[in-house]
């Protein structure tokens, strides 16, 4: 009735219903979509939906907030939305997570520079980040 591909997709849907993905899995799926996507608005929207679901599942899972803020800043050129996401993350993250706080503060500096029309001061293309995958590479950030 379904065919091989249809049966596989149906089985996958059942598995996701029984065992829904956690925040980390949703984050990885979002980065995967961005990495193999064509840079289109559609793939970015799908990735953002997954990141927002990840944040809803676990508001303390900072990598999803960092990735969302990076998309808002570097791909959507929306520093105000990015600053809001960054501030929410900084408010939620424990002081003990020093590396994640550093990533957020670096991202915040870029967002503030772009918000003040100082885009030439943005350093996004020059660093690799485990929370962002390659969405901030020099070819993808604008």
C-alpha atoms as a PDB file:
ATOM      1  CA  UNK A   1       0.000   0.000   0.000  1.00  0.00           C
ATOM      2  CA  UNK A   2       2.725   2.498   0.999  1.00  0.00           C
ATOM      3  CA  UNK A   3       5.644   1.299  -1.069  1.00  0.00           C
ATOM      4  CA  UNK A   4       9.091   0.952   0.448  1.00  0.00           C
ATOM      5  CA  UNK A   5       9.763   4.666   0.911  1.00  0.00           C
ATOM      6  CA  UNK A   6       6.280   5.363   2.272  1.00  0.00           C
ATOM      7  CA  UNK A   7       6.552   2.471   4.735  1.00  0.00           C
ATOM      8  CA  UNK A   8       9.921   3.741   5.939  1.00  0.00           C
ATOM      9  CA  UNK A   9       8.564   7.264   6.473  1.00  0.00           C
ATOM     10  CA  UNK A  10       5.522   5.895   8.283  1.00  0.00           C
ATOM     11  CA  UNK A  11       7.742   3.755  10.545  1.00  0.00           C
ATOM     12  CA  UNK A  12       9.947   6.782  11.249  1.00  0.00           C
ATOM     13  CA  UNK A  13       6.889   8.863  12.181  1.00  0.00           C
ATOM     14  CA  UNK A  14       5.753   6.166  14.619  1.00  0.00           C
ATOM     15  CA  UNK A  15       9.217   6.053  16.220  1.00  0.00           C
ATOM     16  CA  UNK A  16       9.305   9.841  16.633  1.00  0.00           C
ATOM     17  CA  UNK A  17       5.845   9.740  18.215  1.00  0.00           C
ATOM     18  CA  UNK A  18       6.858   7.024  20.673  1.00  0.00           C
ATOM     19  CA  UNK A  19      10.305   8.444  21.360  1.00  0.00           C
ATOM     20  CA  UNK A  20      10.321  12.165  20.492  1.00  0.00           C
ATOM     21  CA  UNK A  21      13.698  13.837  19.972  1.00  0.00           C
ATOM     22  CA  UNK A  22      15.279  15.686  22.871  1.00  0.00           C
ATOM     23  CA  UNK A  23      16.690  19.218  22.733  1.00  0.00           C
ATOM     24  CA  UNK A  24      20.152  18.074  21.653  1.00  0.00           C
ATOM     25  CA  UNK A  25      18.770  15.899  18.854  1.00  0.00           C
ATOM     26  CA  UNK A  26      16.587  18.748  17.574  1.00  0.00           C
ATOM     27  CA  UNK A  27      19.605  21.053  17.610  1.00  0.00           C
ATOM     28  CA  UNK A  28      21.657  18.555  15.600  1.00  0.00           C
ATOM     29  CA  UNK A  29      18.800  18.145  13.111  1.00  0.00           C
ATOM     30  CA  UNK A  30      18.594  21.935  12.687  1.00  0.00           C
ATOM     31  CA  UNK A  31      22.327  22.225  12.030  1.00  0.00           C
ATOM     32  CA  UNK A  32      22.092  19.324   9.589  1.00  0.00           C
ATOM     33  CA  UNK A  33      19.350  21.126   7.662  1.00  0.00           C
ATOM     34  CA  UNK A  34      21.446  24.289   7.520  1.00  0.00           C
ATOM     35  CA  UNK A  35      24.562  22.419   6.478  1.00  0.00           C
ATOM     36  CA  UNK A  36      22.999  20.474   3.629  1.00  0.00           C
ATOM     37  CA  UNK A  37      20.426  23.134   2.786  1.00  0.00           C
ATOM     38  CA  UNK A  38      20.717  25.428  -0.147  1.00  0.00           C
ATOM     39  CA  UNK A  39      20.718  28.561   1.986  1.00  0.00           C
ATOM     40  CA  UNK A  40      17.091  29.148   1.088  1.00  0.00           C
ATOM     41  CA  UNK A  41      14.574  30.858   3.298  1.00  0.00           C
ATOM     42  CA  UNK A  42      12.621  27.590   3.487  1.00  0.00           C
ATOM     43  CA  UNK A  43      15.508  25.540   4.918  1.00  0.00           C
ATOM     44  CA  UNK A  44      16.325  28.349   7.362  1.00  0.00           C
ATOM     45  CA  UNK A  45      12.691  28.440   8.551  1.00  0.00           C
ATOM     46  CA  UNK A  46      12.648  24.671   9.066  1.00  0.00           C
ATOM     47  CA  UNK A  47      15.903  24.873  11.022  1.00  0.00           C
ATOM     48  CA  UNK A  48      14.587  27.749  13.145  1.00  0.00           C
ATOM     49  CA  UNK A  49      11.424  25.775  13.940  1.00  0.00           C
ATOM     50  CA  UNK A  50      13.556  22.880  15.154  1.00  0.00           C
ATOM     51  CA  UNK A  51      15.695  25.204  17.267  1.00  0.00           C
ATOM     52  CA  UNK A  52      12.611  26.774  18.823  1.00  0.00           C
ATOM     53  CA  UNK A  53      11.248  23.289  19.596  1.00  0.00           C
ATOM     54  CA  UNK A  54      14.594  22.425  21.156  1.00  0.00           C
ATOM     55  CA  UNK A  55      14.435  25.534  23.348  1.00  0.00           C
ATOM     56  CA  UNK A  56      10.845  24.731  24.336  1.00  0.00           C
ATOM     57  CA  UNK A  57      11.872  21.189  25.308  1.00  0.00           C
ATOM     58  CA  UNK A  58      14.848  22.364  27.350  1.00  0.00           C
ATOM     59  CA  UNK A  59      15.174  26.108  27.938  1.00  0.00           C
ATOM     60  CA  UNK A  60      18.592  25.513  29.519  1.00  0.00           C
ATOM     61  CA  UNK A  61      20.086  23.851  26.413  1.00  0.00           C
ATOM     62  CA  UNK A  62      22.183  26.846  25.379  1.00  0.00           C
ATOM     63  CA  UNK A  63      23.559  25.572  22.031  1.00  0.00           C
ATOM     64  CA  UNK A  64      20.093  25.901  20.486  1.00  0.00           C
ATOM     65  CA  UNK A  65      19.801  29.495  21.668  1.00  0.00           C
ATOM     66  CA  UNK A  66      23.272  30.306  20.326  1.00  0.00           C
ATOM     67  CA  UNK A  67      22.471  28.787  16.940  1.00  0.00           C
ATOM     68  CA  UNK A  68      19.129  30.608  16.748  1.00  0.00           C
ATOM     69  CA  UNK A  69      20.800  33.925  17.589  1.00  0.00           C
ATOM     70  CA  UNK A  70      23.457  33.275  14.941  1.00  0.00           C
ATOM     71  CA  UNK A  71      20.830  32.596  12.274  1.00  0.00           C
ATOM     72  CA  UNK A  72      18.967  35.755  13.217  1.00  0.00           C
ATOM     73  CA  UNK A  73      22.149  37.796  13.063  1.00  0.00           C
ATOM     74  CA  UNK A  74      24.241  36.382  10.244  1.00  0.00           C
ATOM     75  CA  UNK A  75      21.640  34.947   7.898  1.00  0.00           C
ATOM     76  CA  UNK A  76      18.631  37.174   8.502  1.00  0.00           C
ATOM     77  CA  UNK A  77      20.493  40.394   9.289  1.00  0.00           C
ATOM     78  CA  UNK A  78      18.245  40.969  12.322  1.00  0.00           C
ATOM     79  CA  UNK A  79      20.519  42.099  15.162  1.00  0.00           C
ATOM     80  CA  UNK A  80      17.607  43.143  17.401  1.00  0.00           C
ATOM     81  CA  UNK A  81      16.059  39.650  17.358  1.00  0.00           C
ATOM     82  CA  UNK A  82      19.510  38.168  17.870  1.00  0.00           C
ATOM     83  CA  UNK A  83      20.205  40.437  20.852  1.00  0.00           C
ATOM     84  CA  UNK A  84      16.879  39.399  22.397  1.00  0.00           C
ATOM     85  CA  UNK A  85      17.707  35.699  21.946  1.00  0.00           C
ATOM     86  CA  UNK A  86      21.212  36.243  23.343  1.00  0.00           C
ATOM     87  CA  UNK A  87      19.921  38.110  26.392  1.00  0.00           C
ATOM     88  CA  UNK A  88      17.365  35.385  27.136  1.00  0.00           C
ATOM     89  CA  UNK A  89      20.159  32.822  26.925  1.00  0.00           C
ATOM     90  CA  UNK A  90      22.455  34.835  29.205  1.00  0.00           C
ATOM     91  CA  UNK A  91      19.616  35.196  31.711  1.00  0.00           C
ATOM     92  CA  UNK A  92      18.970  31.447  31.707  1.00  0.00           C
ATOM     93  CA  UNK A  93      22.500  30.057  31.627  1.00  0.00           C
ATOM     94  CA  UNK A  94      24.355  29.258  34.854  1.00  0.00           C
ATOM     95  CA  UNK A  95      27.546  31.200  35.546  1.00  0.00           C
ATOM     96  CA  UNK A  96      29.424  27.883  35.635  1.00  0.00           C
ATOM     97  CA  UNK A  97      29.008  27.356  31.877  1.00  0.00           C
ATOM     98  CA  UNK A  98      31.908  29.630  31.027  1.00  0.00           C
ATOM     99  CA  UNK A  99      32.502  28.481  27.435  1.00  0.00           C
ATOM    100  CA  UNK A 100      28.861  28.917  26.457  1.00  0.00           C
ATOM    101  CA  UNK A 101      28.745  32.329  28.157  1.00  0.00           C
ATOM    102  CA  UNK A 102      31.860  33.342  26.198  1.00  0.00           C
ATOM    103  CA  UNK A 103      30.230  32.256  22.915  1.00  0.00           C
ATOM    104  CA  UNK A 104      27.145  34.291  23.782  1.00  0.00           C
ATOM    105  CA  UNK A 105      29.188  37.355  24.684  1.00  0.00           C
ATOM    106  CA  UNK A 106      31.168  37.129  21.424  1.00  0.00           C
ATOM    107  CA  UNK A 107      27.916  36.812  19.498  1.00  0.00           C
ATOM    108  CA  UNK A 108      26.484  39.750  21.436  1.00  0.00           C
ATOM    109  CA  UNK A 109      29.429  41.945  20.425  1.00  0.00           C
ATOM    110  CA  UNK A 110      28.757  41.122  16.770  1.00  0.00           C
ATOM    111  CA  UNK A 111      25.032  41.822  17.178  1.00  0.00           C
ATOM    112  CA  UNK A 112      25.692  45.147  18.875  1.00  0.00           C
ATOM    113  CA  UNK A 113      28.140  46.131  16.111  1.00  0.00           C
ATOM    114  CA  UNK A 114      25.638  45.241  13.394  1.00  0.00           C
ATOM    115  CA  UNK A 115      22.840  47.009  15.271  1.00  0.00           C
ATOM    116  CA  UNK A 116      24.993  50.162  15.350  1.00  0.00           C
ATOM    117  CA  UNK A 117      25.700  49.820  11.599  1.00  0.00           C
ATOM    118  CA  UNK A 118      29.298  48.821  12.307  1.00  0.00           C
ATOM    119  CA  UNK A 119      29.166  45.618  10.275  1.00  0.00           C
ATOM    120  CA  UNK A 120      32.823  46.008   9.356  1.00  0.00           C
ATOM    121  CA  UNK A 121      33.660  45.208  12.986  1.00  0.00           C
ATOM    122  CA  UNK A 122      31.878  41.854  12.898  1.00  0.00           C
ATOM    123  CA  UNK A 123      34.267  38.927  13.187  1.00  0.00           C
ATOM    124  CA  UNK A 124      31.866  36.052  12.483  1.00  0.00           C
ATOM    125  CA  UNK A 125      33.622  34.764   9.399  1.00  0.00           C
ATOM    126  CA  UNK A 126      36.841  34.193  11.292  1.00  0.00           C
ATOM    127  CA  UNK A 127      35.894  31.649  13.931  1.00  0.00           C
ATOM    128  CA  UNK A 128      34.669  28.083  14.097  1.00  0.00           C
ATOM    129  CA  UNK A 129      32.062  27.304  16.712  1.00  0.00           C
ATOM    130  CA  UNK A 130      30.712  23.923  17.824  1.00  0.00           C
ATOM    131  CA  UNK A 131      27.252  25.399  18.436  1.00  0.00           C
ATOM    132  CA  UNK A 132      26.971  27.025  15.038  1.00  0.00           C
ATOM    133  CA  UNK A 133      28.346  24.407  12.694  1.00  0.00           C
ATOM    134  CA  UNK A 134      29.407  26.186   9.538  1.00  0.00           C
ATOM    135  CA  UNK A 135      26.497  28.609   9.375  1.00  0.00           C
ATOM    136  CA  UNK A 136      28.878  31.432  10.210  1.00  0.00           C
ATOM    137  CA  UNK A 137      31.525  30.551   7.687  1.00  0.00           C
ATOM    138  CA  UNK A 138      32.691  33.470   5.619  1.00  0.00           C
ATOM    139  CA  UNK A 139      30.603  32.288   2.670  1.00  0.00           C
ATOM    140  CA  UNK A 140      27.367  31.794   4.614  1.00  0.00           C
ATOM    141  CA  UNK A 141      27.075  34.541   7.168  1.00  0.00           C
ATOM    142  CA  UNK A 142      25.527  37.187   4.930  1.00  0.00           C
END
